[in-house]
Amino acid sequence: MFNKVILIIGAGPNQLPAINLAKQRGYYVVSTDMDPEAEGFLLSDQTGLVSTRDIEGTIAFAKRIHKQKPIDGVMTMASESAMTIAGVAEALELPGITPTVAENATNKVKRQLLFKENGVSSPQFSFACGFDEACREAQKIGWPVVVKPADSAGSRGVQKVDSPEDMKSALDEISSVSTLPQCLIEEYLSGTEHSIEGIVLEGRVIWAGLSDRNYAHKHAYPPYFLEDGDTMPSNLGPETIKEVKAEATKAVHALGIDWGPVKGDIIIDPQKGIRVLEMAARLSGDYFCYETIPLHNGINLLEATMDLSVGFPVSPEALKPKHNQGVALRYVWPKPGRVVSIEGFEEARSIPGVDFVQLEPRWRNLSMGTVIPAPTFMGERIASVMAFADTRDEAVAIAEKAVSTVKIRT
C-alpha cells in the first residue's frame, strides 16, 4: 500500500488507465467528471460532479476533500485540463506547473505567439474572431488554410478551409467545441506527421517515444483530417530524429514547462522542413503513452507521471528504452450508414502478434441497425487494433490484416 491520495481529473474511458493504475497501487482515488455515469466513478473512492474545464469548481471541490483527507497529487491523461490541474496544484501546494504555464500550453493562440517569440519552427499563423476577420487573415496567409479552435484537443473542429465559402461552416463548428471567441488560422502544410511524448524532470526534457502517424485516410472525409493510428519505431533517419527532438525541446522551453508530461505533434514539410504543430502539458490518449510506447520500448509515462504527481522521485534511468520492437496502431472506419452485419472480431484477435482488437467506448453497444455517421475527427473511429512484431513493417502487416478481417458492413 502506497498510502497516497490522488485526484484524477476526468473519469471517462480515457482516464480509466490512470484510475486503474492508482487503484492497483493502493491509492485512495478521488475523481471528477461532469458525467454522473462516468465509468471511473465506479472505481473511485470519492467523486465530484464537476467539469474537467471548471477550474474554480474543481478547486473548491478539491479543497473540501483536502480538509477531510489531504490530497497528495493531481493529474489526468487524455484530457485538455492542464489549467484545471495547475489551479488545484497551486491552491493545495501540490507538484505541478503554474497556471500561467498551463494556459501557455492549452491556448493555441498564446502557444503560437510564444513559439514565434522564441524562434520555434511552427506554421505561419494568425488568429481571428468572426467570419470577416478570419477570411482577411486567411487571405494574408494564402488559401487553403487550417482553422483550429483555440482550446480543443484530439483534432476536434480542426478543418482544412479552401475558400471564404467554406469558412462560415468551419467557424460554426469551432464555436460548438470551443469556449474561446478566437480561432487559430494556420498555413496548410503537407508532409509526414509524427507524435512525440516525454516528461520534464527538473527542467530537463526526456523524450520517451516518437511515432509516425498514419494518414492513409487523411482526406477521406473533407474538410476534416482523419488520423489512422501510428507506427513505432519511426522511419525517420537518426539525424532527422535528433532535429525533431531538438525542435520539440525548444517548444517545451518556449512554453515554460519545467515539470511533468509533454506531448507534441510534428510535421515535416518537404519544402519548409520540421514544424511543431502542437505541444501540450499532458499525457496523450489513444493508447500512445500507456500501450504503444511501453509495447515499443518498455517506457511507461503514465507510471512516471503518477509518481511525479504524488511527490515520488523519477529517475532518468527509468525512462531509458528496455527493448525495441515494432508496434502499429490502426483504426477501423466502416462506411457511414446503418449496420447490417458485424464479423471477424474474434478471428482478428487470434492473429499472432495482435495485442488487442476492440470497439471504442462510444461504440460498445454497436449492433445491427446502429447508424454510423461520417466521421469528423479521429475520436469517432469505431474500433482499434494494436499489433507488435520484431520490426515495424511486420507490425504494420499484422495490424492491417486484423483491420481487414473485421467486417462491419453498412
Protein backbone atom coordinates (compact mmCIF):
# COMPACT_ATOMS: atom_id res chain seq x y z
CA MET A 1 0.00 0.00 0.00
CA PHE A 2 1.44 3.35 -1.04
CA ASN A 3 -0.97 5.25 1.25
CA LYS A 4 -1.38 8.16 -1.17
CA VAL A 5 -4.45 10.21 -2.04
CA ILE A 6 -4.68 11.22 -5.71
CA LEU A 7 -7.17 13.42 -7.52
CA ILE A 8 -7.70 12.40 -11.13
CA ILE A 9 -9.38 14.99 -13.34
CA GLY A 10 -11.80 13.17 -15.61
CA ALA A 11 -13.37 9.76 -15.02
CA GLY A 12 -14.34 8.76 -18.54
CA PRO A 13 -12.94 5.88 -20.63
CA ASN A 14 -9.77 7.84 -21.47
CA GLN A 15 -8.90 8.25 -17.79
CA LEU A 16 -9.55 4.63 -16.79
CA PRO A 17 -5.89 3.56 -17.25
CA ALA A 18 -4.83 6.21 -14.70
CA ILE A 19 -7.61 5.32 -12.27
CA ASN A 20 -6.85 1.59 -12.59
CA LEU A 21 -3.12 2.16 -12.02
CA ALA A 22 -3.80 4.25 -8.93
CA LYS A 23 -6.10 1.57 -7.52
CA GLN A 24 -3.51 -1.14 -8.26
CA ARG A 25 -1.03 0.88 -6.23
CA GLY A 26 -3.43 1.07 -3.33
CA TYR A 27 -4.06 4.79 -3.62
CA TYR A 28 -7.20 6.47 -2.35
CA VAL A 29 -8.67 7.73 -5.62
CA VAL A 30 -10.77 10.87 -5.95
CA SER A 31 -12.07 11.62 -9.44
CA THR A 32 -14.13 14.36 -11.06
CA ASP A 33 -16.28 14.43 -14.17
CA MET A 34 -19.38 16.26 -15.38
CA ASP A 35 -20.98 12.94 -16.39
CA PRO A 36 -22.78 11.29 -13.44
CA GLU A 37 -22.47 7.96 -15.28
CA ALA A 38 -18.69 8.23 -15.82
CA GLU A 39 -17.15 4.75 -15.70
CA GLY A 40 -14.29 5.82 -13.48
CA PHE A 41 -16.67 6.82 -10.69
CA LEU A 42 -17.38 3.14 -10.05
CA LEU A 43 -13.69 2.55 -9.34
CA SER A 44 -13.08 5.71 -7.32
CA ASP A 45 -13.24 6.09 -3.55
CA GLN A 46 -14.71 9.58 -3.77
CA THR A 47 -16.17 11.50 -6.70
CA GLY A 48 -17.08 15.02 -7.69
CA LEU A 49 -19.64 16.01 -10.30
CA VAL A 50 -17.74 18.87 -11.89
CA SER A 51 -16.47 19.55 -15.42
CA THR A 52 -12.80 18.97 -16.16
CA ARG A 53 -12.74 22.54 -17.52
CA ASP A 54 -14.38 24.12 -14.47
CA ILE A 55 -11.24 25.42 -12.78
CA GLU A 56 -12.86 27.21 -9.84
CA GLY A 57 -15.41 24.47 -9.27
CA THR A 58 -12.69 21.81 -9.20
CA ILE A 59 -10.52 23.86 -6.84
CA ALA A 60 -13.45 24.30 -4.45
CA PHE A 61 -14.20 20.56 -4.56
CA ALA A 62 -10.52 19.68 -4.04
CA LYS A 63 -10.28 21.99 -1.03
CA ARG A 64 -13.28 20.30 0.59
CA ILE A 65 -11.73 16.86 0.08
CA HIS A 66 -8.31 18.10 1.20
CA LYS A 67 -9.69 19.17 4.58
CA GLN A 68 -11.03 15.66 5.21
CA LYS A 69 -8.30 13.66 3.52
CA PRO A 70 -5.15 15.53 2.40
CA ILE A 71 -4.57 15.11 -1.33
CA ASP A 72 -1.01 14.18 -2.34
CA GLY A 73 -1.26 14.76 -6.09
CA VAL A 74 -3.47 15.74 -9.01
CA MET A 75 -3.22 14.55 -12.61
CA THR A 76 -5.09 13.45 -15.71
CA MET A 77 -4.49 11.80 -19.05
CA ALA A 78 -6.03 12.30 -22.48
CA SER A 79 -7.84 15.42 -21.30
CA GLU A 80 -7.16 19.06 -22.14
CA SER A 81 -7.40 20.07 -18.48
CA ALA A 82 -3.88 21.29 -17.69
CA MET A 83 -5.28 24.61 -16.46
CA THR A 84 -7.62 22.87 -14.02
CA ILE A 85 -4.82 20.66 -12.71
CA ALA A 86 -2.48 23.63 -12.34
CA GLY A 87 -5.15 25.56 -10.43
CA VAL A 88 -5.64 22.71 -7.98
CA ALA A 89 -1.89 22.13 -7.62
CA GLU A 90 -1.32 25.80 -6.83
CA ALA A 91 -4.24 26.00 -4.39
CA LEU A 92 -3.17 22.88 -2.47
CA GLU A 93 0.60 23.37 -2.92
CA LEU A 94 0.98 20.12 -4.85
CA PRO A 95 3.56 19.21 -7.53
CA GLY A 96 2.77 20.65 -10.94
CA ILE A 97 3.21 23.50 -13.37
CA THR A 98 1.91 27.02 -12.75
CA PRO A 99 -1.46 28.20 -14.09
CA THR A 100 0.34 30.59 -16.44
CA VAL A 101 2.40 27.79 -17.96
CA ALA A 102 -0.69 25.60 -18.21
CA GLU A 103 -2.50 28.33 -20.13
CA ASN A 104 0.52 28.74 -22.42
CA ALA A 105 0.29 25.04 -23.24
CA THR A 106 -3.50 25.00 -23.67
CA ASN A 107 -4.46 28.16 -25.53
CA LYS A 108 -3.31 27.58 -29.10
CA VAL A 109 -3.10 31.30 -29.88
CA LYS A 110 -0.86 32.04 -26.89
CA ARG A 111 1.16 28.96 -27.68
CA GLN A 112 1.86 30.03 -31.25
CA LEU A 113 2.77 33.55 -30.13
CA LEU A 114 5.31 32.09 -27.70
CA PHE A 115 6.67 29.80 -30.41
CA LYS A 116 7.19 32.80 -32.67
CA GLU A 117 8.76 34.87 -29.89
CA ASN A 118 11.21 32.08 -29.02
CA GLY A 119 12.16 31.00 -32.53
CA VAL A 120 10.33 27.67 -32.56
CA SER A 121 9.73 26.44 -36.12
CA SER A 122 5.95 26.29 -36.49
CA PRO A 123 3.38 27.03 -39.21
CA GLN A 124 2.71 30.59 -40.31
CA PHE A 125 -0.37 31.63 -38.34
CA SER A 126 -2.85 34.27 -37.36
CA PHE A 127 -5.98 34.41 -35.22
CA ALA A 128 -9.41 35.86 -35.67
CA CYS A 129 -12.83 36.47 -34.16
CA GLY A 130 -15.65 36.13 -36.63
CA PHE A 131 -16.08 35.46 -40.32
CA ASP A 132 -14.77 38.68 -41.87
CA GLU A 133 -11.57 38.77 -39.84
CA ALA A 134 -10.96 35.05 -40.40
CA CYS A 135 -11.25 35.49 -44.17
CA ARG A 136 -8.92 38.50 -44.14
CA GLU A 137 -6.27 36.65 -42.15
CA ALA A 138 -6.61 33.54 -44.31
CA GLN A 139 -6.15 35.68 -47.41
CA LYS A 140 -2.90 37.08 -45.96
CA ILE A 141 -1.59 33.59 -45.24
CA GLY A 142 -2.84 32.16 -48.53
CA TRP A 143 -5.59 29.65 -49.22
CA PRO A 144 -6.01 26.84 -48.31
CA VAL A 145 -5.59 27.25 -44.54
CA VAL A 146 -6.12 25.09 -41.48
CA VAL A 147 -8.62 26.50 -38.98
CA LYS A 148 -8.49 25.31 -35.37
CA PRO A 149 -10.38 26.00 -32.14
CA ALA A 150 -8.12 27.86 -29.72
CA ASP A 151 -8.65 25.39 -26.89
CA SER A 152 -9.67 21.92 -28.08
CA ALA A 153 -7.79 18.64 -28.31
CA GLY A 154 -7.88 15.43 -30.34
CA SER A 155 -8.37 17.27 -33.67
CA ARG A 156 -11.94 18.31 -32.76
CA GLY A 157 -13.05 21.13 -35.00
CA VAL A 158 -9.81 21.20 -36.99
CA GLN A 159 -10.58 21.70 -40.67
CA LYS A 160 -8.96 22.49 -43.98
CA VAL A 161 -10.64 25.57 -45.44
CA ASP A 162 -10.12 26.17 -49.15
CA SER A 163 -12.05 29.39 -49.66
CA PRO A 164 -14.25 32.03 -47.99
CA GLU A 165 -17.29 29.96 -49.00
CA ASP A 166 -16.15 27.22 -46.59
CA MET A 167 -15.17 29.50 -43.70
CA LYS A 168 -18.60 30.08 -42.17
CA SER A 169 -19.39 26.40 -41.65
CA ALA A 170 -15.89 25.88 -40.22
CA LEU A 171 -16.37 28.70 -37.71
CA ASP A 172 -19.83 27.43 -36.78
CA GLU A 173 -18.37 24.05 -35.92
CA ILE A 174 -15.50 25.58 -33.97
CA SER A 175 -17.93 27.60 -31.86
CA SER A 176 -19.64 24.35 -30.87
CA VAL A 177 -16.45 22.80 -29.43
CA SER A 178 -14.55 25.82 -28.12
CA THR A 179 -15.04 28.05 -25.09
CA LEU A 180 -12.93 30.88 -26.55
CA PRO A 181 -14.00 33.50 -29.11
CA GLN A 182 -10.80 33.30 -31.12
CA CYS A 183 -9.84 30.67 -33.65
CA LEU A 184 -6.36 29.89 -34.92
CA ILE A 185 -5.63 30.09 -38.64
CA GLU A 186 -2.52 28.34 -39.96
CA GLU A 187 -0.90 27.78 -43.30
CA TYR A 188 -1.66 24.38 -44.79
CA LEU A 189 1.42 22.15 -44.81
CA SER A 190 1.93 18.69 -46.27
CA GLY A 191 4.42 16.02 -45.34
CA THR A 192 4.98 13.25 -42.81
CA GLU A 193 3.42 13.75 -39.38
CA HIS A 194 4.70 12.48 -36.07
CA SER A 195 3.75 12.21 -32.39
CA ILE A 196 6.36 12.79 -29.71
CA GLU A 197 5.89 12.36 -25.97
CA GLY A 198 8.07 12.60 -22.91
CA ILE A 199 8.46 14.05 -19.46
CA VAL A 200 10.27 17.02 -17.94
CA LEU A 201 12.39 16.30 -14.86
CA GLU A 202 13.76 19.38 -13.10
CA GLY A 203 13.69 21.30 -16.37
CA ARG A 204 15.29 18.52 -18.43
CA VAL A 205 13.16 17.17 -21.28
CA ILE A 206 13.38 13.40 -21.76
CA TRP A 207 11.62 12.08 -24.86
CA ALA A 208 10.22 8.57 -24.45
CA GLY A 209 8.67 7.94 -27.84
CA LEU A 210 8.46 9.24 -31.40
CA SER A 211 5.99 7.69 -33.84
CA ASP A 212 4.99 8.04 -37.47
CA ARG A 213 1.32 8.99 -37.66
CA ASN A 214 -0.63 7.10 -40.29
CA TYR A 215 -2.70 9.36 -42.51
CA ALA A 216 -3.70 6.88 -45.20
CA HIS A 217 -7.27 8.20 -44.89
CA LYS A 218 -6.38 11.80 -44.06
CA HIS A 219 -8.68 13.40 -46.64
CA ALA A 220 -11.35 10.69 -46.82
CA TYR A 221 -13.98 12.99 -45.27
CA PRO A 222 -13.11 16.59 -46.13
CA PRO A 223 -12.74 19.16 -44.70
CA TYR A 224 -11.65 17.05 -41.72
CA PHE A 225 -8.29 15.37 -41.13
CA LEU A 226 -8.55 11.72 -40.10
CA GLU A 227 -5.58 10.05 -38.46
CA ASP A 228 -5.48 6.27 -38.78
CA GLY A 229 -3.20 5.27 -35.91
CA ASP A 230 0.57 5.36 -35.77
CA THR A 231 3.69 3.22 -36.04
CA MET A 232 6.86 2.75 -34.00
CA PRO A 233 9.79 2.94 -34.31
CA SER A 234 9.82 5.98 -36.56
CA ASN A 235 11.08 5.57 -40.11
CA LEU A 236 12.93 8.89 -39.87
CA GLY A 237 16.71 8.83 -40.10
CA PRO A 238 18.86 9.32 -36.96
CA GLU A 239 19.83 12.88 -37.84
CA THR A 240 16.24 13.89 -38.56
CA ILE A 241 15.09 12.32 -35.28
CA LYS A 242 17.73 14.34 -33.47
CA GLU A 243 16.50 17.53 -35.15
CA VAL A 244 12.85 16.74 -34.35
CA LYS A 245 13.66 16.19 -30.68
CA ALA A 246 15.68 19.41 -30.56
CA GLU A 247 12.83 21.45 -32.04
CA ALA A 248 10.28 19.80 -29.75
CA THR A 249 12.50 20.55 -26.75
CA LYS A 250 12.73 24.18 -27.84
CA ALA A 251 8.92 24.27 -27.93
CA VAL A 252 8.67 22.88 -24.39
CA HIS A 253 11.05 25.53 -23.07
CA ALA A 254 9.26 28.29 -25.00
CA LEU A 255 6.07 27.46 -23.12
CA GLY A 256 7.87 27.42 -19.77
CA ILE A 257 7.09 23.78 -19.00
CA ASP A 258 9.62 22.68 -16.37
CA TRP A 259 7.82 19.69 -14.87
CA GLY A 260 5.67 16.76 -15.91
CA PRO A 261 4.37 15.20 -19.12
CA VAL A 262 4.65 16.81 -22.56
CA LYS A 263 3.22 15.69 -25.88
CA GLY A 264 3.70 17.20 -29.29
CA ASP A 265 2.65 16.90 -32.92
CA ILE A 266 5.23 17.44 -35.65
CA ILE A 267 5.03 17.78 -39.42
CA ILE A 268 7.99 17.59 -41.78
CA ASP A 269 7.14 19.51 -44.94
CA PRO A 270 9.42 18.70 -47.92
CA GLN A 271 9.92 22.40 -48.65
CA LYS A 272 9.71 24.01 -45.22
CA GLY A 273 11.21 21.31 -43.02
CA ILE A 274 10.32 20.50 -39.41
CA ARG A 275 7.38 22.38 -37.95
CA VAL A 276 5.90 21.99 -34.46
CA LEU A 277 2.12 21.81 -34.81
CA GLU A 278 1.19 21.28 -31.16
CA MET A 279 2.83 20.98 -27.74
CA ALA A 280 0.75 20.25 -24.66
CA ALA A 281 1.49 19.77 -20.97
CA ARG A 282 -0.31 16.47 -20.54
CA LEU A 283 -0.28 12.77 -21.25
CA SER A 284 -1.72 11.64 -24.57
CA GLY A 285 -4.74 9.47 -25.21
CA ASP A 286 -5.38 6.98 -27.99
CA TYR A 287 -3.20 4.35 -26.28
CA PHE A 288 0.08 6.16 -27.04
CA CYS A 289 1.51 6.78 -23.55
CA TYR A 290 0.26 3.61 -21.85
CA GLU A 291 0.15 0.98 -24.63
CA THR A 292 2.09 1.96 -27.76
CA ILE A 293 5.27 3.34 -26.17
CA PRO A 294 5.55 0.64 -23.46
CA LEU A 295 5.00 -2.07 -26.08
CA HIS A 296 7.65 -0.49 -28.29
CA ASN A 297 10.41 0.23 -25.77
CA GLY A 298 9.21 -0.51 -22.23
CA ILE A 299 8.95 3.11 -21.05
CA ASN A 300 5.78 3.83 -19.09
CA LEU A 301 5.00 7.54 -18.97
CA LEU A 302 1.74 7.00 -17.10
CA GLU A 303 3.60 5.45 -14.18
CA ALA A 304 6.27 8.16 -14.25
CA THR A 305 3.69 10.96 -14.32
CA MET A 306 1.76 9.45 -11.42
CA ASP A 307 4.98 9.17 -9.42
CA LEU A 308 5.81 12.83 -10.04
CA SER A 309 2.27 13.93 -9.24
CA VAL A 310 2.25 12.41 -5.75
CA GLY A 311 5.79 13.55 -4.98
CA PHE A 312 7.84 10.45 -5.70
CA PRO A 313 11.17 10.98 -7.47
CA VAL A 314 11.54 9.70 -11.03
CA SER A 315 14.97 8.61 -12.17
CA PRO A 316 16.08 9.29 -15.75
CA GLU A 317 17.20 5.65 -15.76
CA ALA A 318 13.55 4.59 -15.56
CA LEU A 319 12.93 6.46 -18.81
CA LYS A 320 15.55 4.63 -20.86
CA PRO A 321 14.37 2.11 -23.50
CA LYS A 322 14.39 -1.51 -22.36
CA HIS A 323 13.75 -3.09 -25.77
CA ASN A 324 12.93 -2.10 -29.35
CA GLN A 325 10.11 -3.80 -31.22
CA GLY A 326 7.73 -2.77 -33.94
CA VAL A 327 4.26 -1.57 -32.94
CA ALA A 328 1.36 -0.49 -35.14
CA LEU A 329 -1.97 1.00 -34.14
CA ARG A 330 -4.69 1.09 -36.78
CA TYR A 331 -8.35 2.10 -36.72
CA VAL A 332 -11.50 0.57 -38.17
CA TRP A 333 -13.53 3.01 -40.30
CA PRO A 334 -16.66 1.36 -41.75
CA LYS A 335 -18.62 3.18 -44.42
CA PRO A 336 -21.22 5.52 -42.92
CA GLY A 337 -24.71 4.05 -42.83
CA ARG A 338 -26.89 1.56 -40.96
CA VAL A 339 -25.03 -1.55 -39.77
CA VAL A 340 -26.26 -4.78 -41.39
CA SER A 341 -23.56 -7.20 -40.20
CA ILE A 342 -20.61 -7.42 -37.78
CA GLU A 343 -18.00 -10.14 -38.24
CA GLY A 344 -14.38 -11.02 -37.68
CA PHE A 345 -13.51 -9.65 -34.23
CA GLU A 346 -12.57 -12.98 -32.68
CA GLU A 347 -10.76 -14.10 -35.82
CA ALA A 348 -8.76 -10.85 -35.84
CA ARG A 349 -7.85 -11.27 -32.17
CA SER A 350 -6.46 -14.75 -32.87
CA ILE A 351 -3.88 -13.48 -35.39
CA PRO A 352 -0.35 -13.92 -33.95
CA GLY A 353 1.12 -10.58 -32.95
CA VAL A 354 -2.21 -8.87 -32.32
CA ASP A 355 -2.20 -7.18 -28.91
CA PHE A 356 -5.87 -6.21 -28.98
CA VAL A 357 -8.86 -5.63 -31.25
CA GLN A 358 -11.63 -3.68 -29.57
CA LEU A 359 -14.58 -1.41 -30.13
CA GLU A 360 -14.04 2.12 -28.90
CA PRO A 361 -16.06 3.01 -25.76
CA ARG A 362 -18.69 5.09 -27.55
CA TRP A 363 -19.42 2.11 -29.85
CA ARG A 364 -19.52 -0.70 -27.25
CA ASN A 365 -23.21 -1.26 -27.95
CA LEU A 366 -22.69 -1.46 -31.71
CA SER A 367 -25.23 -3.84 -33.21
CA MET A 368 -27.29 -4.45 -36.31
CA GLY A 369 -29.28 -1.34 -37.05
CA THR A 370 -26.82 1.09 -35.46
CA VAL A 371 -26.32 4.15 -37.66
CA ILE A 372 -22.69 5.16 -38.21
CA PRO A 373 -22.30 8.82 -39.24
CA ALA A 374 -19.49 10.21 -41.37
CA PRO A 375 -16.55 10.91 -39.02
CA THR A 376 -15.32 14.42 -38.26
CA PHE A 377 -12.26 13.57 -36.13
CA MET A 378 -10.24 10.51 -35.14
CA GLY A 379 -12.11 10.11 -31.84
CA GLU A 380 -15.13 8.91 -33.82
CA ARG A 381 -13.42 5.73 -35.05
CA ILE A 382 -15.37 2.54 -34.48
CA ALA A 383 -12.62 0.17 -33.33
CA SER A 384 -8.87 -0.03 -32.83
CA VAL A 385 -6.23 -2.67 -33.48
CA MET A 386 -2.77 -2.87 -31.88
CA ALA A 387 -0.09 -5.23 -33.20
CA PHE A 388 3.56 -5.88 -32.41
CA ALA A 389 6.44 -7.74 -34.04
CA ASP A 390 10.21 -7.70 -34.33
CA THR A 391 10.07 -4.95 -36.96
CA ARG A 392 7.72 -2.07 -37.73
CA ASP A 393 6.90 -3.44 -41.19
CA GLU A 394 5.85 -6.78 -39.70
CA ALA A 395 3.74 -5.00 -37.09
CA VAL A 396 2.03 -2.91 -39.78
CA ALA A 397 1.27 -6.01 -41.85
CA ILE A 398 -0.28 -7.75 -38.83
CA ALA A 399 -2.36 -4.71 -37.87
CA GLU A 400 -3.64 -4.22 -41.40
CA LYS A 401 -4.51 -7.90 -41.68
CA ALA A 402 -6.50 -7.64 -38.46
CA VAL A 403 -8.30 -4.50 -39.66
CA SER A 404 -9.23 -6.19 -42.94
CA THR A 405 -10.51 -9.22 -41.00
CA VAL A 406 -13.01 -7.10 -39.09
CA LYS A 407 -16.12 -6.64 -41.24
CA ILE A 408 -18.65 -4.01 -40.21
CA ARG A 409 -20.97 -3.72 -43.19
CA THR A 410 -23.43 -0.90 -43.70
